Amino acid sequence: MDEFIQRLKQIEEKLNHVSDQMQELREAVGESSNEDSELPVRELYEHPWYTYKREELISGGNYTESKKKRNAAA
């Protein structure tokens, strides 16, 4: 029985800790929403192979043609 009560106290402590963290997060979000600063936008990942192929098409002048073909097929 003592072990059960001990486990319950540990769970209660963890819940209180999470509750405190959530409150801190709410306060931080509330403070930042009053500012007029822009949030950073995460750049999309492009595999190096596709970057290479795109640059190859652009340098060869075929990039616009491949776009037209894709648009025509759609």
N, C-alpha and C. Protein backbone atom coordinates (compact mmCIF):
# COMPACT_ATOMS: atom_id res chain seq x y z
N MET A 1 0.83 -1.20 0.00
CA MET A 1 0.00 0.00 0.00
C MET A 1 0.87 1.27 0.00
N ASP A 2 1.96 1.22 0.77
CA ASP A 2 2.86 2.38 0.82
C ASP A 2 3.48 2.66 -0.55
N GLU A 3 3.81 1.59 -1.26
CA GLU A 3 4.38 1.76 -2.59
C GLU A 3 3.38 2.43 -3.54
N PHE A 4 2.13 2.06 -3.44
CA PHE A 4 1.07 2.64 -4.27
C PHE A 4 0.93 4.13 -3.98
N ILE A 5 0.93 4.49 -2.72
CA ILE A 5 0.81 5.90 -2.32
C ILE A 5 2.03 6.68 -2.80
N GLN A 6 3.18 6.05 -2.71
CA GLN A 6 4.41 6.69 -3.18
C GLN A 6 4.35 6.96 -4.69
N ARG A 7 3.86 5.98 -5.43
CA ARG A 7 3.70 6.15 -6.89
C ARG A 7 2.71 7.27 -7.19
N LEU A 8 1.62 7.32 -6.47
CA LEU A 8 0.64 8.39 -6.68
C LEU A 8 1.25 9.77 -6.42
N LYS A 9 2.08 9.87 -5.40
CA LYS A 9 2.74 11.15 -5.11
C LYS A 9 3.70 11.53 -6.23
N GLN A 10 4.41 10.54 -6.78
CA GLN A 10 5.32 10.82 -7.90
C GLN A 10 4.54 11.31 -9.11
N ILE A 11 3.42 10.68 -9.38
CA ILE A 11 2.59 11.10 -10.51
C ILE A 11 2.06 12.51 -10.28
N GLU A 12 1.64 12.79 -9.06
CA GLU A 12 1.13 14.12 -8.74
C GLU A 12 2.21 15.19 -8.92
N GLU A 13 3.44 14.88 -8.50
CA GLU A 13 4.56 15.82 -8.68
C GLU A 13 4.82 16.08 -10.15
N LYS A 14 4.78 15.02 -10.95
CA LYS A 14 5.00 15.17 -12.39
C LYS A 14 3.90 15.99 -13.04
N LEU A 15 2.67 15.76 -12.63
CA LEU A 15 1.55 16.55 -13.17
C LEU A 15 1.68 18.02 -12.79
N ASN A 16 2.09 18.28 -11.58
CA ASN A 16 2.29 19.67 -11.16
C ASN A 16 3.41 20.32 -11.96
N HIS A 17 4.46 19.56 -12.23
CA HIS A 17 5.57 20.08 -13.02
C HIS A 17 5.10 20.43 -14.44
N VAL A 18 4.33 19.53 -15.04
CA VAL A 18 3.80 19.78 -16.39
C VAL A 18 2.86 20.97 -16.36
N SER A 19 2.05 21.07 -15.32
CA SER A 19 1.13 22.20 -15.21
C SER A 19 1.90 23.52 -15.14
N ASP A 20 2.99 23.52 -14.36
CA ASP A 20 3.82 24.72 -14.27
C ASP A 20 4.44 25.07 -15.62
N GLN A 21 4.90 24.06 -16.33
CA GLN A 21 5.49 24.30 -17.65
C GLN A 21 4.45 24.86 -18.61
N MET A 22 3.24 24.33 -18.56
CA MET A 22 2.17 24.83 -19.42
C MET A 22 1.84 26.28 -19.10
N GLN A 23 1.82 26.62 -17.82
CA GLN A 23 1.55 28.00 -17.43
C GLN A 23 2.64 28.93 -17.94
N GLU A 24 3.91 28.50 -17.83
CA GLU A 24 5.01 29.30 -18.35
C GLU A 24 4.89 29.48 -19.86
N LEU A 25 4.50 28.43 -20.54
CA LEU A 25 4.32 28.51 -21.99
C LEU A 25 3.20 29.47 -22.35
N ARG A 26 2.09 29.39 -21.64
CA ARG A 26 0.98 30.32 -21.90
C ARG A 26 1.42 31.77 -21.71
N GLU A 27 2.17 32.01 -20.65
CA GLU A 27 2.64 33.37 -20.38
C GLU A 27 3.60 33.83 -21.48
N ALA A 28 4.48 32.94 -21.92
CA ALA A 28 5.44 33.30 -22.96
C ALA A 28 4.72 33.59 -24.27
N VAL A 29 3.72 32.80 -24.60
CA VAL A 29 2.97 33.02 -25.84
C VAL A 29 2.16 34.31 -25.74
N GLY A 30 1.60 34.56 -24.59
CA GLY A 30 0.85 35.80 -24.39
C GLY A 30 1.72 37.02 -24.54
N GLU A 31 2.94 36.94 -24.05
CA GLU A 31 3.86 38.07 -24.16
C GLU A 31 4.32 38.27 -25.59
N SER A 32 4.61 37.18 -26.29
CA SER A 32 5.13 37.31 -27.65
C SER A 32 4.04 37.74 -28.63
N SER A 33 2.76 37.45 -28.32
CA SER A 33 1.70 37.83 -29.23
C SER A 33 1.47 39.34 -29.23
N ASN A 34 1.94 40.02 -28.19
CA ASN A 34 1.80 41.47 -28.13
C ASN A 34 2.86 42.18 -28.97
N GLU A 35 3.92 41.47 -29.32
CA GLU A 35 4.98 42.06 -30.11
C GLU A 35 4.63 41.99 -31.59
N ASP A 36 5.20 42.90 -32.36
CA ASP A 36 4.94 42.91 -33.80
C ASP A 36 6.05 42.21 -34.59
N SER A 37 6.79 41.35 -33.94
CA SER A 37 7.87 40.66 -34.64
C SER A 37 7.32 39.46 -35.40
N GLU A 38 7.95 39.17 -36.53
CA GLU A 38 7.52 38.05 -37.35
C GLU A 38 8.20 36.78 -36.87
N LEU A 39 7.46 35.67 -36.90
CA LEU A 39 8.05 34.40 -36.55
C LEU A 39 8.85 33.87 -37.73
N PRO A 40 9.97 33.21 -37.47
CA PRO A 40 10.77 32.68 -38.58
C PRO A 40 10.02 31.55 -39.28
N VAL A 41 10.10 31.54 -40.60
CA VAL A 41 9.45 30.50 -41.39
C VAL A 41 10.50 29.44 -41.72
N ARG A 42 10.14 28.22 -41.45
CA ARG A 42 11.08 27.12 -41.70
C ARG A 42 11.18 26.85 -43.19
N GLU A 43 12.41 26.72 -43.68
CA GLU A 43 12.61 26.45 -45.10
C GLU A 43 12.28 25.00 -45.40
N LEU A 44 11.72 24.76 -46.58
CA LEU A 44 11.42 23.40 -46.98
C LEU A 44 12.71 22.67 -47.32
N TYR A 45 12.76 21.40 -47.01
CA TYR A 45 13.94 20.59 -47.31
C TYR A 45 13.87 20.11 -48.75
N GLU A 46 14.98 20.23 -49.43
CA GLU A 46 15.07 19.70 -50.78
C GLU A 46 16.30 18.79 -50.84
N HIS A 47 16.10 17.57 -51.27
CA HIS A 47 17.20 16.62 -51.37
C HIS A 47 18.24 17.16 -52.34
N PRO A 48 19.52 16.97 -52.02
CA PRO A 48 20.58 17.51 -52.89
C PRO A 48 20.48 17.05 -54.35
N TRP A 49 19.98 15.85 -54.60
CA TRP A 49 19.84 15.37 -55.98
C TRP A 49 18.85 16.24 -56.75
N TYR A 50 17.74 16.58 -56.12
CA TYR A 50 16.75 17.41 -56.80
C TYR A 50 17.26 18.83 -57.00
N THR A 51 18.04 19.32 -56.05
CA THR A 51 18.66 20.63 -56.20
C THR A 51 19.60 20.62 -57.41
N TYR A 52 20.40 19.59 -57.50
CA TYR A 52 21.34 19.45 -58.62
C TYR A 52 20.59 19.38 -59.95
N LYS A 53 19.55 18.53 -60.02
CA LYS A 53 18.80 18.37 -61.28
C LYS A 53 18.10 19.68 -61.66
N ARG A 54 17.53 20.40 -60.69
CA ARG A 54 16.86 21.66 -60.98
C ARG A 54 17.85 22.67 -61.52
N GLU A 55 19.02 22.76 -60.87
CA GLU A 55 20.04 23.70 -61.35
C GLU A 55 20.55 23.31 -62.73
N GLU A 56 20.64 22.02 -62.98
CA GLU A 56 21.07 21.54 -64.30
C GLU A 56 20.05 21.94 -65.37
N LEU A 57 18.77 21.79 -65.06
CA LEU A 57 17.72 22.17 -66.01
C LEU A 57 17.72 23.68 -66.26
N ILE A 58 17.91 24.44 -65.18
CA ILE A 58 17.92 25.90 -65.32
C ILE A 58 19.09 26.33 -66.20
N SER A 59 20.26 25.77 -65.92
CA SER A 59 21.45 26.18 -66.70
C SER A 59 21.34 25.72 -68.15
N GLY A 60 20.62 24.62 -68.39
CA GLY A 60 20.45 24.13 -69.76
C GLY A 60 19.30 24.81 -70.49
N GLY A 61 18.54 25.62 -69.79
CA GLY A 61 17.42 26.32 -70.40
C GLY A 61 16.17 25.47 -70.55
N ASN A 62 16.14 24.28 -69.99
CA ASN A 62 14.99 23.39 -70.12
C ASN A 62 14.03 23.47 -68.95
N TYR A 63 14.31 24.32 -68.00
CA TYR A 63 13.49 24.37 -66.79
C TYR A 63 12.07 24.84 -67.09
N THR A 64 11.92 25.88 -67.90
CA THR A 64 10.58 26.38 -68.21
C THR A 64 9.82 25.39 -69.06
N GLU A 65 10.49 24.67 -69.94
CA GLU A 65 9.81 23.68 -70.78
C GLU A 65 9.26 22.54 -69.94
N SER A 66 10.04 22.08 -68.95
CA SER A 66 9.56 20.99 -68.10
C SER A 66 8.36 21.44 -67.28
N LYS A 67 8.34 22.70 -66.89
CA LYS A 67 7.18 23.22 -66.15
C LYS A 67 5.95 23.26 -67.05
N LYS A 68 6.13 23.68 -68.30
CA LYS A 68 5.00 23.75 -69.23
C LYS A 68 4.43 22.36 -69.50
N LYS A 69 5.32 21.36 -69.64
CA LYS A 69 4.87 20.00 -69.88
C LYS A 69 4.07 19.49 -68.70
N ARG A 70 4.53 19.78 -67.48
CA ARG A 70 3.78 19.34 -66.30
C ARG A 70 2.44 20.01 -66.22
N ASN A 71 2.39 21.30 -66.53
CA ASN A 71 1.12 22.04 -66.48
C ASN A 71 0.17 21.56 -67.56
N ALA A 72 0.68 21.21 -68.72
CA ALA A 72 -0.17 20.73 -69.81
C ALA A 72 -0.74 19.35 -69.50
N ALA A 73 0.05 18.53 -68.81
CA ALA A 73 -0.40 17.17 -68.46
C ALA A 73 -1.46 17.21 -67.37
N ALA A 74 -1.47 18.24 -66.55
CA ALA A 74 -2.41 18.33 -65.41
C ALA A 74 -3.79 18.71 -65.83
